[in-house]
Structure formats: C-alpha cells, structure tokens
Amino acid sequence: MKEYYEKSLKAIKLLNIKTKEEYNKLLKDYLLLNVESLKYISETRNFKEIIKYAEDIA
C-alpha cells in the first residue's frame, strides 16, 4: 500500500496536478490510489495538503 501511496504522490508532483478532478482522470489509465485512500493514508481531508506532500517527495 505504501508503494502505491508514494507512486500516487509522485504522479501528482510530476504531472502538476492541482485538483481532485485532474487526479481522478488519471485513475482510469494508471494504477494509483483513489482520492479517498490518499486522504486516509495522509490523515487529512484536504486534497491541497496531499498536493503539498507530493511536492515534498524527492
């Protein structure tokens, strides 16, 4: 699960995702966690905080 979490955050960073809608479009083509799973793992309700986590990924 952690592997998919990191992969999802990297996708947000690399593709410069800014909204849930943009991210949800990726779910159809890539094996990524859905928004609710990201929120649960990140322990936040705010997608903008997840974007900040993604920007901190090396």
PDB file of N, CA and C in Angstrom:
ATOM      1  N   MET A   1       0.824  -1.192   0.000  1.00  0.00           N
ATOM      2  CA  MET A   1       0.000   0.000   0.000  1.00  0.00           C
ATOM      3  C   MET A   1       0.868   1.256   0.000  1.00  0.00           C
ATOM      4  N   LYS A   2       1.944   1.233   0.786  1.00  0.00           N
ATOM      5  CA  LYS A   2       2.827   2.399   0.844  1.00  0.00           C
ATOM      6  C   LYS A   2       3.446   2.674  -0.526  1.00  0.00           C
ATOM      7  N   GLU A   3       3.741   1.624  -1.269  1.00  0.00           N
ATOM      8  CA  GLU A   3       4.312   1.777  -2.619  1.00  0.00           C
ATOM      9  C   GLU A   3       3.345   2.546  -3.523  1.00  0.00           C
ATOM     10  N   TYR A   4       2.069   2.200  -3.470  1.00  0.00           N
ATOM     11  CA  TYR A   4       1.069   2.878  -4.297  1.00  0.00           C
ATOM     12  C   TYR A   4       0.840   4.306  -3.821  1.00  0.00           C
ATOM     13  N   TYR A   5       0.939   4.525  -2.519  1.00  0.00           N
ATOM     14  CA  TYR A   5       0.822   5.878  -1.971  1.00  0.00           C
ATOM     15  C   TYR A   5       1.925   6.762  -2.525  1.00  0.00           C
ATOM     16  N   GLU A   6       3.164   6.288  -2.470  1.00  0.00           N
ATOM     17  CA  GLU A   6       4.292   7.060  -2.984  1.00  0.00           C
ATOM     18  C   GLU A   6       4.177   7.267  -4.495  1.00  0.00           C
ATOM     19  N   LYS A   7       3.734   6.244  -5.199  1.00  0.00           N
ATOM     20  CA  LYS A   7       3.548   6.361  -6.645  1.00  0.00           C
ATOM     21  C   LYS A   7       2.484   7.413  -6.968  1.00  0.00           C
ATOM     22  N   SER A   8       1.425   7.449  -6.193  1.00  0.00           N
ATOM     23  CA  SER A   8       0.361   8.428  -6.396  1.00  0.00           C
ATOM     24  C   SER A   8       0.866   9.840  -6.146  1.00  0.00           C
ATOM     25  N   LEU A   9       1.636  10.027  -5.073  1.00  0.00           N
ATOM     26  CA  LEU A   9       2.185  11.348  -4.771  1.00  0.00           C
ATOM     27  C   LEU A   9       3.160  11.799  -5.855  1.00  0.00           C
ATOM     28  N   LYS A  10       3.966  10.884  -6.350  1.00  0.00           N
ATOM     29  CA  LYS A  10       4.907  11.232  -7.419  1.00  0.00           C
ATOM     30  C   LYS A  10       4.163  11.634  -8.690  1.00  0.00           C
ATOM     31  N   ALA A  11       3.067  10.955  -8.983  1.00  0.00           N
ATOM     32  CA  ALA A  11       2.271  11.306 -10.162  1.00  0.00           C
ATOM     33  C   ALA A  11       1.694  12.705 -10.023  1.00  0.00           C
ATOM     34  N   ILE A  12       1.228  13.048  -8.819  1.00  0.00           N
ATOM     35  CA  ILE A  12       0.701  14.392  -8.576  1.00  0.00           C
ATOM     36  C   ILE A  12       1.785  15.426  -8.821  1.00  0.00           C
ATOM     37  N   LYS A  13       2.971  15.141  -8.317  1.00  0.00           N
ATOM     38  CA  LYS A  13       4.076  16.087  -8.466  1.00  0.00           C
ATOM     39  C   LYS A  13       4.515  16.214  -9.928  1.00  0.00           C
ATOM     40  N   LEU A  14       4.777  15.094 -10.566  1.00  0.00           N
ATOM     41  CA  LEU A  14       5.310  15.119 -11.929  1.00  0.00           C
ATOM     42  C   LEU A  14       4.334  15.706 -12.944  1.00  0.00           C
ATOM     43  N   LEU A  15       3.060  15.457 -12.752  1.00  0.00           N
ATOM     44  CA  LEU A  15       2.056  15.926 -13.702  1.00  0.00           C
ATOM     45  C   LEU A  15       1.427  17.249 -13.289  1.00  0.00           C
ATOM     46  N   ASN A  16       1.931  17.810 -12.187  1.00  0.00           N
ATOM     47  CA  ASN A  16       1.483  19.120 -11.710  1.00  0.00           C
ATOM     48  C   ASN A  16      -0.032  19.152 -11.506  1.00  0.00           C
ATOM     49  N   ILE A  17      -0.557  18.149 -10.826  1.00  0.00           N
ATOM     50  CA  ILE A  17      -1.981  18.040 -10.548  1.00  0.00           C
ATOM     51  C   ILE A  17      -2.364  19.062  -9.484  1.00  0.00           C
ATOM     52  N   LYS A  18      -3.445  19.790  -9.714  1.00  0.00           N
ATOM     53  CA  LYS A  18      -3.888  20.822  -8.785  1.00  0.00           C
ATOM     54  C   LYS A  18      -5.285  20.582  -8.215  1.00  0.00           C
ATOM     55  N   THR A  19      -6.061  19.680  -8.819  1.00  0.00           N
ATOM     56  CA  THR A  19      -7.429  19.452  -8.341  1.00  0.00           C
ATOM     57  C   THR A  19      -7.734  17.965  -8.284  1.00  0.00           C
ATOM     58  N   LYS A  20      -8.767  17.632  -7.516  1.00  0.00           N
ATOM     59  CA  LYS A  20      -9.215  16.237  -7.440  1.00  0.00           C
ATOM     60  C   LYS A  20      -9.686  15.752  -8.803  1.00  0.00           C
ATOM     61  N   GLU A  21     -10.319  16.640  -9.557  1.00  0.00           N
ATOM     62  CA  GLU A  21     -10.854  16.256 -10.863  1.00  0.00           C
ATOM     63  C   GLU A  21      -9.725  15.839 -11.811  1.00  0.00           C
ATOM     64  N   GLU A  22      -8.637  16.603 -11.812  1.00  0.00           N
ATOM     65  CA  GLU A  22      -7.483  16.247 -12.645  1.00  0.00           C
ATOM     66  C   GLU A  22      -6.916  14.898 -12.213  1.00  0.00           C
ATOM     67  N   TYR A  23      -6.820  14.698 -10.916  1.00  0.00           N
ATOM     68  CA  TYR A  23      -6.280  13.439 -10.397  1.00  0.00           C
ATOM     69  C   TYR A  23      -7.187  12.270 -10.766  1.00  0.00           C
ATOM     70  N   ASN A  24      -8.491  12.454 -10.629  1.00  0.00           N
ATOM     71  CA  ASN A  24      -9.426  11.372 -10.931  1.00  0.00           C
ATOM     72  C   ASN A  24      -9.343  10.921 -12.383  1.00  0.00           C
ATOM     73  N   LYS A  25      -8.995  11.827 -13.292  1.00  0.00           N
ATOM     74  CA  LYS A  25      -8.826  11.438 -14.698  1.00  0.00           C
ATOM     75  C   LYS A  25      -7.681  10.439 -14.862  1.00  0.00           C
ATOM     76  N   LEU A  26      -6.669  10.533 -14.008  1.00  0.00           N
ATOM     77  CA  LEU A  26      -5.533   9.613 -14.080  1.00  0.00           C
ATOM     78  C   LEU A  26      -5.886   8.203 -13.639  1.00  0.00           C
ATOM     79  N   LEU A  27      -6.860   8.083 -12.768  1.00  0.00           N
ATOM     80  CA  LEU A  27      -7.207   6.783 -12.204  1.00  0.00           C
ATOM     81  C   LEU A  27      -7.626   5.778 -13.266  1.00  0.00           C
ATOM     82  N   LYS A  28      -8.156   6.260 -14.366  1.00  0.00           N
ATOM     83  CA  LYS A  28      -8.604   5.366 -15.425  1.00  0.00           C
ATOM     84  C   LYS A  28      -7.427   4.708 -16.152  1.00  0.00           C
ATOM     85  N   ASP A  29      -6.311   5.432 -16.253  1.00  0.00           N
ATOM     86  CA  ASP A  29      -5.188   4.959 -17.050  1.00  0.00           C
ATOM     87  C   ASP A  29      -4.012   4.414 -16.246  1.00  0.00           C
ATOM     88  N   TYR A  30      -3.923   4.784 -14.985  1.00  0.00           N
ATOM     89  CA  TYR A  30      -2.774   4.394 -14.171  1.00  0.00           C
ATOM     90  C   TYR A  30      -3.236   3.701 -12.902  1.00  0.00           C
ATOM     91  N   LEU A  31      -2.376   2.853 -12.371  1.00  0.00           N
ATOM     92  CA  LEU A  31      -2.683   2.144 -11.135  1.00  0.00           C
ATOM     93  C   LEU A  31      -2.280   3.028  -9.955  1.00  0.00           C
ATOM     94  N   LEU A  32      -3.222   3.899  -9.556  1.00  0.00           N
ATOM     95  CA  LEU A  32      -2.992   4.838  -8.462  1.00  0.00           C
ATOM     96  C   LEU A  32      -4.097   4.679  -7.429  1.00  0.00           C
ATOM     97  N   LEU A  33      -3.836   5.166  -6.235  1.00  0.00           N
ATOM     98  CA  LEU A  33      -4.861   5.149  -5.194  1.00  0.00           C
ATOM     99  C   LEU A  33      -5.905   6.211  -5.487  1.00  0.00           C
ATOM    100  N   ASN A  34      -7.144   5.918  -5.108  1.00  0.00           N
ATOM    101  CA  ASN A  34      -8.178   6.929  -5.300  1.00  0.00           C
ATOM    102  C   ASN A  34      -8.015   8.031  -4.253  1.00  0.00           C
ATOM    103  N   VAL A  35      -8.729   9.110  -4.428  1.00  0.00           N
ATOM    104  CA  VAL A  35      -8.589  10.291  -3.576  1.00  0.00           C
ATOM    105  C   VAL A  35      -8.903   9.954  -2.116  1.00  0.00           C
ATOM    106  N   GLU A  36      -9.930   9.181  -1.888  1.00  0.00           N
ATOM    107  CA  GLU A  36     -10.301   8.842  -0.508  1.00  0.00           C
ATOM    108  C   GLU A  36      -9.206   8.036   0.186  1.00  0.00           C
ATOM    109  N   SER A  37      -8.553   7.136  -0.532  1.00  0.00           N
ATOM    110  CA  SER A  37      -7.442   6.377   0.052  1.00  0.00           C
ATOM    111  C   SER A  37      -6.267   7.294   0.368  1.00  0.00           C
ATOM    112  N   LEU A  38      -5.980   8.220  -0.532  1.00  0.00           N
ATOM    113  CA  LEU A  38      -4.910   9.186  -0.277  1.00  0.00           C
ATOM    114  C   LEU A  38      -5.214  10.017   0.967  1.00  0.00           C
ATOM    115  N   LYS A  39      -6.453  10.450   1.097  1.00  0.00           N
ATOM    116  CA  LYS A  39      -6.838  11.235   2.263  1.00  0.00           C
ATOM    117  C   LYS A  39      -6.683  10.418   3.544  1.00  0.00           C
ATOM    118  N   TYR A  40      -7.085   9.157   3.495  1.00  0.00           N
ATOM    119  CA  TYR A  40      -6.994   8.299   4.673  1.00  0.00           C
ATOM    120  C   TYR A  40      -5.538   8.089   5.087  1.00  0.00           C
ATOM    121  N   ILE A  41      -4.685   7.752   4.148  1.00  0.00           N
ATOM    122  CA  ILE A  41      -3.280   7.491   4.451  1.00  0.00           C
ATOM    123  C   ILE A  41      -2.578   8.763   4.908  1.00  0.00           C
ATOM    124  N   SER A  42      -2.915   9.882   4.303  1.00  0.00           N
ATOM    125  CA  SER A  42      -2.296  11.164   4.648  1.00  0.00           C
ATOM    126  C   SER A  42      -2.875  11.764   5.926  1.00  0.00           C
ATOM    127  N   GLU A  43      -3.958  11.171   6.399  1.00  0.00           N
ATOM    128  CA  GLU A  43      -4.654  11.652   7.591  1.00  0.00           C
ATOM    129  C   GLU A  43      -5.088  13.111   7.435  1.00  0.00           C
ATOM    130  N   THR A  44      -5.678  13.403   6.293  1.00  0.00           N
ATOM    131  CA  THR A  44      -6.187  14.741   6.021  1.00  0.00           C
ATOM    132  C   THR A  44      -7.463  14.632   5.207  1.00  0.00           C
ATOM    133  N   ARG A  45      -8.259  15.665   5.236  1.00  0.00           N
ATOM    134  CA  ARG A  45      -9.476  15.740   4.436  1.00  0.00           C
ATOM    135  C   ARG A  45      -9.292  16.674   3.251  1.00  0.00           C
ATOM    136  N   ASN A  46      -8.156  17.359   3.219  1.00  0.00           N
ATOM    137  CA  ASN A  46      -7.920  18.410   2.249  1.00  0.00           C
ATOM    138  C   ASN A  46      -6.970  17.927   1.145  1.00  0.00           C
ATOM    139  N   PHE A  47      -7.445  17.919  -0.095  1.00  0.00           N
ATOM    140  CA  PHE A  47      -6.615  17.460  -1.208  1.00  0.00           C
ATOM    141  C   PHE A  47      -5.415  18.374  -1.429  1.00  0.00           C
ATOM    142  N   LYS A  48      -5.543  19.655  -1.094  1.00  0.00           N
ATOM    143  CA  LYS A  48      -4.422  20.591  -1.251  1.00  0.00           C
ATOM    144  C   LYS A  48      -3.257  20.212  -0.340  1.00  0.00           C
ATOM    145  N   GLU A  49      -3.537  19.642   0.822  1.00  0.00           N
ATOM    146  CA  GLU A  49      -2.465  19.169   1.701  1.00  0.00           C
ATOM    147  C   GLU A  49      -1.744  17.977   1.063  1.00  0.00           C
ATOM    148  N   ILE A  50      -2.481  17.141   0.380  1.00  0.00           N
ATOM    149  CA  ILE A  50      -1.875  15.993  -0.304  1.00  0.00           C
ATOM    150  C   ILE A  50      -0.957  16.496  -1.411  1.00  0.00           C
ATOM    151  N   ILE A  51      -1.362  17.545  -2.092  1.00  0.00           N
ATOM    152  CA  ILE A  51      -0.504  18.144  -3.132  1.00  0.00           C
ATOM    153  C   ILE A  51       0.788  18.653  -2.503  1.00  0.00           C
ATOM    154  N   LYS A  52       0.692  19.261  -1.315  1.00  0.00           N
ATOM    155  CA  LYS A  52       1.899  19.726  -0.624  1.00  0.00           C
ATOM    156  C   LYS A  52       2.804  18.548  -0.260  1.00  0.00           C
ATOM    157  N   TYR A  53       2.226  17.435   0.199  1.00  0.00           N
ATOM    158  CA  TYR A  53       3.027  16.244   0.495  1.00  0.00           C
ATOM    159  C   TYR A  53       3.729  15.771  -0.767  1.00  0.00           C
ATOM    160  N   ALA A  54       3.017  15.811  -1.884  1.00  0.00           N
ATOM    161  CA  ALA A  54       3.585  15.359  -3.154  1.00  0.00           C
ATOM    162  C   ALA A  54       4.759  16.224  -3.567  1.00  0.00           C
ATOM    163  N   GLU A  55       4.664  17.520  -3.336  1.00  0.00           N
ATOM    164  CA  GLU A  55       5.748  18.429  -3.712  1.00  0.00           C
ATOM    165  C   GLU A  55       7.000  18.168  -2.877  1.00  0.00           C
ATOM    166  N   ASP A  56       6.836  17.615  -1.675  1.00  0.00           N
ATOM    167  CA  ASP A  56       7.974  17.328  -0.806  1.00  0.00           C
ATOM    168  C   ASP A  56       8.643  15.997  -1.121  1.00  0.00           C
ATOM    169  N   ILE A  57       8.008  15.187  -1.970  1.00  0.00           N
ATOM    170  CA  ILE A  57       8.588  13.892  -2.358  1.00  0.00           C
ATOM    171  C   ILE A  57       9.831  14.138  -3.223  1.00  0.00           C
ATOM    172  N   ALA A  58      10.883  13.412  -2.912  1.00  0.00           N
ATOM    173  CA  ALA A  58      12.138  13.580  -3.680  1.00  0.00           C
ATOM    174  C   ALA A  58      12.044  12.950  -5.043  1.00  0.00           C
TER     175      ALA A  58
END
